[in-house]
Amino acid sequence: MRAERLLRLLLHLQTRGQSTVSQLSQQLGVSPRTVQRDLDALSLAGVPVYAVRGRGGGWALLPDYRTRLTGLTPSEVMSVFVGATAHVLADLGIDASSNHAMTKLIAALPEATRRDAEFARQRLLVDHAGWDDRREAPRCLDLCREAIWAERRIRITYREKSFTVEPLGLVAKSRTWYLIAARRDGEIRTYRLSRVTTASSTEELFTRPPGFDLSQYWTEAQRRFRATLPSYPMVLRVRDHAVTRFKPTAPIRPDTDGWFIIETDLENPHEACAAVLAQAGAATVLAPPELATLVHQAAAKLLESHS
């Protein structure tokens, strides 16, 4: 466990640069005292870590120091070489060069690990695109990407309102692109690029918020978004072959004769009614009572119209 933690600590300093003990503690999930002991251990082992004193200080590696790490585990090889997302790279205009980069990465691995990478690539492919292959046109994607790299403010028109933002990152969720940007008041917001009607670059530079982490922001933004979605909870008795057609919100409980009890939810009673009717008798409503009444009435109308 400690060896893995020391490796993560070293990689963090190598990839993210100078960090405080507090930041390292949060990243590694250990106490600041443990981080300090680990830093001392790296120093004793000959790794050139050093402390930067004073305000804005922290710990860092000598600028020219680089580890020579080749001990990727099979699971790590899988995560790197199998999870390529072609449509995201194509949107960014780097799909052609990605294969060359992957080839170079594989060539740089030791022979045993290289075999694992090739084995995985020939047996697993992750394709995040839907069958219809439709996607939103990522308007202004190149301009936003360039502004993010240059840390330059851009002016956008979004839902018929124009304002200036500080672009911090881009997120591709399935086939949809989102711009993460800070407003003038410092609030960080999410903008769907397909709803940006115009965008132009400015000559104004900005300073990226210290400590901003794109992955953490996106995780929290998704949590907040899901919390705003309407929810209509229900309890169903479902036949075994229809269980996978519902997303459970609690552990599924077996009932009798191939039936299961499922707690799930949809956006509203009408969607819930349609979902139950679509199972053609393989799902019955246990709660709430008004949903059972709604299904009964809808089934009666359906029967009447087909009599």
Protein backbone atom coordinates (compact mmCIF):
# COMPACT_ATOMS: atom_id res chain seq x y z
CA MET A 1 0.00 0.00 0.00
CA ARG A 2 2.75 2.47 0.90
CA ALA A 3 4.75 1.68 -2.22
CA GLU A 4 1.71 2.44 -4.36
CA ARG A 5 1.12 5.68 -2.45
CA LEU A 6 4.73 6.78 -2.90
CA LEU A 7 4.42 6.13 -6.63
CA ARG A 8 1.21 8.17 -6.84
CA LEU A 9 2.87 10.97 -4.88
CA LEU A 10 5.85 10.99 -7.24
CA LEU A 11 3.66 10.95 -10.35
CA HIS A 12 1.51 13.77 -8.97
CA LEU A 13 4.55 16.00 -8.43
CA GLN A 14 5.93 15.08 -11.83
CA THR A 15 2.72 15.80 -13.76
CA ARG A 16 1.14 18.64 -11.75
CA GLY A 17 4.19 20.38 -10.38
CA GLN A 18 4.52 22.17 -7.07
CA SER A 19 1.83 21.21 -4.55
CA THR A 20 1.17 21.91 -0.91
CA VAL A 21 1.04 19.18 1.72
CA SER A 22 -2.68 19.90 2.05
CA GLN A 23 -3.25 19.36 -1.68
CA LEU A 24 -1.22 16.14 -1.63
CA SER A 25 -3.11 14.94 1.42
CA GLN A 26 -6.44 15.44 -0.32
CA GLN A 27 -5.23 13.81 -3.53
CA LEU A 28 -3.86 10.71 -1.79
CA GLY A 29 -6.56 10.41 0.87
CA VAL A 30 -4.13 10.37 3.81
CA SER A 31 -3.23 12.76 6.60
CA PRO A 32 -0.78 15.66 6.08
CA ARG A 33 1.55 13.97 8.56
CA THR A 34 1.63 10.82 6.40
CA VAL A 35 2.36 12.94 3.32
CA GLN A 36 5.27 14.58 5.12
CA ARG A 37 6.69 11.16 6.06
CA ASP A 38 6.34 9.99 2.46
CA LEU A 39 8.13 13.07 1.15
CA ASP A 40 10.97 12.44 3.59
CA ALA A 41 11.12 8.82 2.41
CA LEU A 42 11.37 9.89 -1.24
CA SER A 43 14.16 12.30 -0.37
CA LEU A 44 16.09 9.60 1.51
CA ALA A 45 15.68 7.31 -1.50
CA GLY A 46 17.44 9.86 -3.72
CA VAL A 47 14.39 11.41 -5.37
CA PRO A 48 15.10 15.18 -5.71
CA VAL A 49 12.06 16.57 -3.89
CA TYR A 50 12.48 19.91 -2.20
CA ALA A 51 10.37 22.35 -0.17
CA VAL A 52 9.54 25.86 -1.41
CA ARG A 53 9.24 28.08 1.64
CA GLY A 54 7.00 31.08 2.21
CA ARG A 55 3.62 32.11 0.90
CA GLY A 56 2.56 30.12 -2.14
CA GLY A 57 5.14 27.47 -1.34
CA GLY A 58 4.88 23.71 -1.30
CA TRP A 59 6.82 20.68 -2.48
CA ALA A 60 8.24 20.11 -5.95
CA LEU A 61 10.64 17.99 -8.00
CA LEU A 62 13.74 19.36 -9.68
CA PRO A 63 12.61 20.60 -13.14
CA ASP A 64 14.68 18.13 -15.15
CA TYR A 65 13.82 15.06 -13.09
CA ARG A 66 11.70 12.39 -14.74
CA THR A 67 10.90 8.90 -13.54
CA ARG A 68 11.44 5.91 -15.79
CA LEU A 69 8.29 3.98 -14.96
CA THR A 70 7.51 0.90 -17.03
CA GLY A 71 5.61 -1.30 -14.59
CA LEU A 72 2.07 -0.87 -15.90
CA THR A 73 -0.29 -3.53 -14.59
CA PRO A 74 -2.60 -5.39 -17.03
CA SER A 75 -5.62 -3.41 -15.77
CA GLU A 76 -3.74 -0.13 -16.29
CA VAL A 77 -2.83 -1.21 -19.81
CA MET A 78 -6.52 -1.91 -20.47
CA SER A 79 -7.60 1.52 -19.26
CA VAL A 80 -5.04 3.35 -21.42
CA PHE A 81 -5.12 1.41 -24.68
CA VAL A 82 -8.72 0.17 -24.89
CA GLY A 83 -10.66 3.29 -23.95
CA ALA A 84 -9.96 5.42 -27.01
CA THR A 85 -12.96 7.59 -27.90
CA ALA A 86 -12.74 8.11 -31.64
CA HIS A 87 -15.53 10.64 -32.13
CA VAL A 88 -14.10 12.96 -29.44
CA LEU A 89 -10.68 12.92 -31.13
CA ALA A 90 -12.33 13.51 -34.51
CA ASP A 91 -14.17 16.58 -33.17
CA LEU A 92 -10.83 17.93 -31.98
CA GLY A 93 -9.21 17.22 -35.33
CA ILE A 94 -6.63 14.81 -33.94
CA ASP A 95 -8.07 11.44 -34.96
CA ALA A 96 -5.38 10.81 -37.55
CA SER A 97 -2.46 11.48 -35.23
CA SER A 98 -3.96 9.50 -32.34
CA ASN A 99 -3.11 6.17 -33.93
CA HIS A 100 0.48 7.28 -34.42
CA ALA A 101 0.69 8.38 -30.79
CA MET A 102 -0.75 5.07 -29.61
CA THR A 103 1.80 3.19 -31.70
CA LYS A 104 4.61 5.23 -30.15
CA LEU A 105 3.28 4.59 -26.64
CA ILE A 106 3.12 0.85 -27.26
CA ALA A 107 6.62 0.84 -28.70
CA ALA A 108 7.94 2.58 -25.58
CA LEU A 109 6.62 -0.16 -23.29
CA PRO A 110 8.68 -3.14 -22.19
CA GLU A 111 8.01 -6.30 -24.17
CA ALA A 112 5.75 -8.02 -21.62
CA THR A 113 3.56 -4.95 -21.13
CA ARG A 114 3.50 -4.34 -24.89
CA ARG A 115 2.04 -7.80 -25.40
CA ASP A 116 -0.69 -7.00 -22.85
CA ALA A 117 -1.53 -3.76 -24.68
CA GLU A 118 -1.76 -5.41 -28.09
CA PHE A 119 -3.76 -8.31 -26.63
CA ALA A 120 -6.29 -5.89 -25.14
CA ARG A 121 -6.58 -3.67 -28.22
CA GLN A 122 -7.39 -6.66 -30.45
CA ARG A 123 -10.10 -7.97 -28.12
CA LEU A 124 -11.87 -4.96 -26.62
CA LEU A 125 -13.20 -1.77 -28.19
CA VAL A 126 -15.11 0.95 -26.37
CA ASP A 127 -17.46 2.81 -28.74
CA HIS A 128 -19.42 5.57 -27.03
CA ALA A 129 -21.39 6.57 -30.12
CA GLY A 130 -25.03 5.58 -30.56
CA TRP A 131 -26.28 3.42 -33.45
CA ASP A 132 -27.77 6.36 -35.31
CA ASP A 133 -24.36 8.10 -35.10
CA ARG A 134 -26.03 11.48 -34.78
CA ARG A 135 -24.27 14.15 -32.79
CA GLU A 136 -24.64 17.81 -32.10
CA ALA A 137 -22.42 20.06 -34.18
CA PRO A 138 -19.83 21.34 -31.68
CA ARG A 139 -20.09 25.01 -32.59
CA CYS A 140 -17.03 27.14 -31.87
CA LEU A 141 -15.13 24.10 -30.56
CA ASP A 142 -11.80 25.12 -32.08
CA LEU A 143 -12.11 28.70 -30.86
CA CYS A 144 -12.93 27.55 -27.32
CA ARG A 145 -10.05 25.07 -27.29
CA GLU A 146 -7.57 27.72 -28.42
CA ALA A 147 -8.87 30.21 -25.84
CA ILE A 148 -8.55 27.62 -23.07
CA TRP A 149 -4.94 26.92 -24.03
CA ALA A 150 -4.10 30.63 -24.23
CA GLU A 151 -6.13 31.55 -21.12
CA ARG A 152 -7.92 34.25 -23.10
CA ARG A 153 -11.47 35.46 -22.49
CA ILE A 154 -14.12 34.89 -25.16
CA ARG A 155 -17.46 36.54 -25.82
CA ILE A 156 -20.36 34.20 -26.51
CA THR A 157 -24.05 34.49 -27.33
CA TYR A 158 -25.91 31.84 -25.38
CA ARG A 159 -29.70 31.57 -25.41
CA GLU A 160 -29.94 35.02 -27.00
CA LYS A 161 -27.76 36.68 -24.34
CA SER A 162 -24.23 37.91 -24.99
CA PHE A 163 -21.53 38.04 -22.32
CA THR A 164 -17.83 37.44 -21.73
CA VAL A 165 -16.51 34.29 -20.02
CA GLU A 166 -13.20 32.80 -19.01
CA PRO A 167 -13.02 29.33 -20.64
CA LEU A 168 -11.58 26.71 -18.28
CA GLY A 169 -12.25 23.37 -19.97
CA LEU A 170 -14.19 21.29 -22.47
CA VAL A 171 -16.16 18.13 -21.67
CA ALA A 172 -17.41 15.62 -24.25
CA LYS A 173 -20.33 13.62 -22.85
CA SER A 174 -21.27 10.97 -25.36
CA ARG A 175 -21.90 13.00 -28.54
CA THR A 176 -22.38 16.39 -26.83
CA TRP A 177 -19.74 19.01 -26.03
CA TYR A 178 -19.88 21.34 -23.02
CA LEU A 179 -17.82 24.43 -22.25
CA ILE A 180 -16.89 25.01 -18.60
CA ALA A 181 -16.27 28.71 -18.04
CA ALA A 182 -16.17 31.35 -15.31
CA ARG A 183 -18.38 34.44 -15.44
CA ARG A 184 -17.19 37.94 -14.56
CA ASP A 185 -18.49 37.47 -11.01
CA GLY A 186 -16.31 34.34 -10.60
CA GLU A 187 -19.19 31.83 -10.82
CA ILE A 188 -18.26 28.76 -12.87
CA ARG A 189 -20.99 27.60 -15.24
CA THR A 190 -21.60 24.89 -17.84
CA TYR A 191 -22.58 25.83 -21.41
CA ARG A 192 -23.79 23.42 -24.05
CA LEU A 193 -21.82 24.26 -27.19
CA SER A 194 -24.72 23.47 -29.52
CA ARG A 195 -26.61 26.34 -27.88
CA VAL A 196 -23.79 28.85 -28.40
CA THR A 197 -24.91 30.82 -31.46
CA THR A 198 -21.85 33.08 -31.77
CA ALA A 199 -18.41 33.21 -30.18
CA SER A 200 -15.44 35.49 -30.65
CA SER A 201 -12.04 35.75 -29.05
CA THR A 202 -10.89 38.81 -27.13
CA GLU A 203 -7.40 40.04 -26.38
CA GLU A 204 -8.07 39.88 -22.63
CA LEU A 205 -6.03 37.32 -20.72
CA PHE A 206 -7.19 35.87 -17.41
CA THR A 207 -5.68 33.89 -14.55
CA ARG A 208 -7.01 30.39 -14.12
CA PRO A 209 -8.64 29.89 -10.68
CA PRO A 210 -6.09 28.25 -8.35
CA GLY A 211 -7.00 24.69 -7.45
CA PHE A 212 -9.67 24.32 -10.16
CA ASP A 213 -10.02 20.66 -11.13
CA LEU A 214 -12.07 19.96 -14.26
CA SER A 215 -12.89 16.36 -13.34
CA GLN A 216 -14.06 17.26 -9.84
CA TYR A 217 -16.16 20.14 -11.16
CA TRP A 218 -17.86 17.92 -13.74
CA THR A 219 -18.65 15.22 -11.18
CA GLU A 220 -20.27 17.78 -8.89
CA ALA A 221 -22.10 19.46 -11.80
CA GLN A 222 -23.63 16.13 -12.83
CA ARG A 223 -24.73 15.48 -9.25
CA ARG A 224 -26.42 18.89 -9.06
CA PHE A 225 -28.09 18.36 -12.44
CA ARG A 226 -29.50 14.97 -11.49
CA ALA A 227 -30.87 16.46 -8.27
CA THR A 228 -32.96 18.91 -10.32
CA LEU A 229 -34.55 16.24 -12.51
CA PRO A 230 -38.20 15.42 -11.78
CA SER A 231 -38.67 12.05 -10.17
CA TYR A 232 -41.71 9.79 -9.87
CA PRO A 233 -40.83 6.81 -7.63
CA MET A 234 -42.73 3.53 -7.94
CA VAL A 235 -42.61 -0.08 -6.81
CA LEU A 236 -43.21 -2.80 -9.40
CA ARG A 237 -43.58 -6.56 -9.49
CA VAL A 238 -41.70 -7.65 -12.61
CA ARG A 239 -41.17 -10.94 -14.41
CA ASP A 240 -37.58 -12.19 -14.63
CA HIS A 241 -37.18 -11.50 -18.38
CA ALA A 242 -38.30 -7.87 -17.94
CA VAL A 243 -36.13 -6.95 -14.94
CA THR A 244 -33.37 -5.37 -17.02
CA ARG A 245 -35.84 -2.96 -18.63
CA PHE A 246 -35.96 -0.90 -15.43
CA LYS A 247 -33.23 0.96 -13.56
CA PRO A 248 -33.51 0.02 -9.88
CA THR A 249 -33.06 2.66 -7.19
CA ALA A 250 -32.73 0.01 -4.46
CA PRO A 251 -31.64 -3.64 -4.32
CA ILE A 252 -33.91 -5.92 -6.35
CA ARG A 253 -35.83 -8.40 -4.17
CA PRO A 254 -36.87 -11.84 -5.47
CA ASP A 255 -40.56 -12.71 -5.18
CA THR A 256 -42.27 -15.97 -6.16
CA ASP A 257 -42.51 -17.94 -9.40
CA GLY A 258 -39.94 -15.92 -11.35
CA TRP A 259 -41.14 -12.49 -10.25
CA PHE A 260 -39.07 -9.74 -8.65
CA ILE A 261 -39.85 -6.60 -6.65
CA ILE A 262 -38.20 -3.48 -8.11
CA GLU A 263 -38.08 0.07 -6.80
CA THR A 264 -37.47 2.51 -9.63
CA ASP A 265 -38.45 5.95 -10.87
CA LEU A 266 -39.24 7.91 -14.02
CA GLU A 267 -39.91 11.56 -14.70
CA ASN A 268 -43.71 11.59 -14.32
CA PRO A 269 -46.79 9.33 -13.93
CA HIS A 270 -47.48 9.23 -17.69
CA GLU A 271 -44.01 7.92 -18.51
CA ALA A 272 -44.33 5.39 -15.69
CA CYS A 273 -47.70 4.23 -17.04
CA ALA A 274 -46.29 3.81 -20.55
CA ALA A 275 -43.31 1.86 -19.23
CA VAL A 276 -45.55 -0.57 -17.35
CA LEU A 277 -47.93 -1.07 -20.30
CA ALA A 278 -44.96 -1.71 -22.59
CA GLN A 279 -44.17 -4.90 -20.64
CA ALA A 280 -47.45 -6.51 -21.82
CA GLY A 281 -48.33 -7.98 -18.44
CA ALA A 282 -44.76 -8.68 -17.31
CA ALA A 283 -44.92 -5.77 -14.84
CA THR A 284 -47.59 -4.82 -12.30
CA VAL A 285 -47.78 -1.78 -10.05
CA LEU A 286 -47.53 -2.20 -6.29
CA ALA A 287 -47.17 1.51 -5.46
CA PRO A 288 -48.26 4.24 -5.67
CA PRO A 289 -51.99 3.42 -5.91
CA GLU A 290 -52.73 6.27 -8.34
CA LEU A 291 -50.26 4.77 -10.84
CA ALA A 292 -52.09 1.44 -10.69
CA THR A 293 -55.34 3.30 -11.40
CA LEU A 294 -53.75 5.15 -14.30
CA VAL A 295 -52.44 1.90 -15.83
CA HIS A 296 -55.87 0.26 -15.41
CA GLN A 297 -57.62 3.17 -17.15
CA ALA A 298 -55.09 3.27 -19.97
CA ALA A 299 -55.33 -0.50 -20.47
CA ALA A 300 -59.14 -0.27 -20.60
CA LYS A 301 -58.96 2.43 -23.29
CA LEU A 302 -56.42 0.38 -25.22
CA LEU A 303 -58.65 -2.69 -25.06
CA GLU A 304 -61.69 -0.68 -26.11
CA SER A 305 -59.93 0.87 -29.10
CA HIS A 306 -58.79 -2.58 -30.29
CA SER A 307 -62.02 -4.49 -29.66
